[in-house]
């Protein structure tokens, strides 16, 4: 996900996206701890997506 895809969304859409990504991050961390995650790099990608969404939310303020 790129910032250009995110910046045109409304605050409500960004809030729902942020919540979904945080839930996804939680499940990925659980899978990582139980050795069920095949690609550990997914965790860092989701973290970066969360940071991009937070940046877009702060830009709207």
C-alpha atoms as a PDB file:
ATOM      1  CA  UNK A   1       0.000   0.000   0.000  1.00  0.00           C
ATOM      2  CA  UNK A   2       1.370   3.375  -0.986  1.00  0.00           C
ATOM      3  CA  UNK A   3       0.745   6.772   0.553  1.00  0.00           C
ATOM      4  CA  UNK A   4      -0.777   8.035  -2.702  1.00  0.00           C
ATOM      5  CA  UNK A   5      -3.514   5.411  -2.362  1.00  0.00           C
ATOM      6  CA  UNK A   6      -4.246   6.502   1.191  1.00  0.00           C
ATOM      7  CA  UNK A   7      -4.153  10.295   1.036  1.00  0.00           C
ATOM      8  CA  UNK A   8      -7.435  10.632  -0.892  1.00  0.00           C
ATOM      9  CA  UNK A   9      -9.495   8.744   1.687  1.00  0.00           C
ATOM     10  CA  UNK A  10     -11.713  10.320   4.341  1.00  0.00           C
ATOM     11  CA  UNK A  11     -10.969  10.263   8.056  1.00  0.00           C
ATOM     12  CA  UNK A  12     -13.609   7.587   8.699  1.00  0.00           C
ATOM     13  CA  UNK A  13     -12.164   5.320   6.015  1.00  0.00           C
ATOM     14  CA  UNK A  14      -8.676   5.814   7.407  1.00  0.00           C
ATOM     15  CA  UNK A  15      -9.870   4.962  10.914  1.00  0.00           C
ATOM     16  CA  UNK A  16     -11.413   1.690   9.740  1.00  0.00           C
ATOM     17  CA  UNK A  17      -8.293   0.827   7.738  1.00  0.00           C
ATOM     18  CA  UNK A  18      -6.144   1.526  10.792  1.00  0.00           C
ATOM     19  CA  UNK A  19      -8.259  -0.748  12.966  1.00  0.00           C
ATOM     20  CA  UNK A  20      -8.106  -3.555  10.383  1.00  0.00           C
ATOM     21  CA  UNK A  21      -4.321  -3.263  10.077  1.00  0.00           C
ATOM     22  CA  UNK A  22      -3.860  -3.326  13.857  1.00  0.00           C
ATOM     23  CA  UNK A  23      -5.948  -6.496  14.119  1.00  0.00           C
ATOM     24  CA  UNK A  24      -3.931  -8.003  11.267  1.00  0.00           C
ATOM     25  CA  UNK A  25      -0.686  -7.069  13.026  1.00  0.00           C
ATOM     26  CA  UNK A  26      -1.901  -8.755  16.203  1.00  0.00           C
ATOM     27  CA  UNK A  27      -2.742 -11.983  14.383  1.00  0.00           C
ATOM     28  CA  UNK A  28       0.561 -11.941  12.506  1.00  0.00           C
ATOM     29  CA  UNK A  29       2.469 -11.529  15.762  1.00  0.00           C
ATOM     30  CA  UNK A  30       0.577 -14.454  17.252  1.00  0.00           C
ATOM     31  CA  UNK A  31       1.405 -16.609  14.227  1.00  0.00           C
ATOM     32  CA  UNK A  32       5.038 -15.541  14.445  1.00  0.00           C
ATOM     33  CA  UNK A  33       5.249 -16.629  18.083  1.00  0.00           C
ATOM     34  CA  UNK A  34       3.707 -20.014  17.328  1.00  0.00           C
ATOM     35  CA  UNK A  35       5.917 -20.540  14.258  1.00  0.00           C
ATOM     36  CA  UNK A  36       2.944 -20.605  11.855  1.00  0.00           C
ATOM     37  CA  UNK A  37       4.006 -17.549   9.869  1.00  0.00           C
ATOM     38  CA  UNK A  38       5.774 -18.443   6.629  1.00  0.00           C
ATOM     39  CA  UNK A  39       6.949 -14.920   5.779  1.00  0.00           C
ATOM     40  CA  UNK A  40       8.071 -12.898   8.831  1.00  0.00           C
ATOM     41  CA  UNK A  41       8.584  -9.828   6.658  1.00  0.00           C
ATOM     42  CA  UNK A  42       4.802  -9.395   6.570  1.00  0.00           C
ATOM     43  CA  UNK A  43       4.955  -8.019  10.115  1.00  0.00           C
ATOM     44  CA  UNK A  44       7.211  -5.134   9.100  1.00  0.00           C
ATOM     45  CA  UNK A  45       5.093  -4.412   6.016  1.00  0.00           C
ATOM     46  CA  UNK A  46       1.954  -4.121   8.140  1.00  0.00           C
ATOM     47  CA  UNK A  47       3.776  -1.858  10.601  1.00  0.00           C
ATOM     48  CA  UNK A  48       4.778   0.418   7.733  1.00  0.00           C
ATOM     49  CA  UNK A  49       1.195   0.463   6.465  1.00  0.00           C
ATOM     50  CA  UNK A  50       0.017   1.509   9.935  1.00  0.00           C
ATOM     51  CA  UNK A  51       2.582   4.314   9.948  1.00  0.00           C
ATOM     52  CA  UNK A  52       1.427   5.481   6.514  1.00  0.00           C
ATOM     53  CA  UNK A  53      -2.203   5.538   7.663  1.00  0.00           C
ATOM     54  CA  UNK A  54      -1.262   7.501  10.790  1.00  0.00           C
ATOM     55  CA  UNK A  55       0.631   9.989   8.616  1.00  0.00           C
ATOM     56  CA  UNK A  56      -2.445  10.462   6.414  1.00  0.00           C
ATOM     57  CA  UNK A  57      -4.666  10.951   9.479  1.00  0.00           C
ATOM     58  CA  UNK A  58      -2.308  13.590  10.878  1.00  0.00           C
ATOM     59  CA  UNK A  59      -2.165  15.332   7.505  1.00  0.00           C
ATOM     60  CA  UNK A  60      -5.955  15.779   7.599  1.00  0.00           C
ATOM     61  CA  UNK A  61      -5.774  17.639  10.913  1.00  0.00           C
END
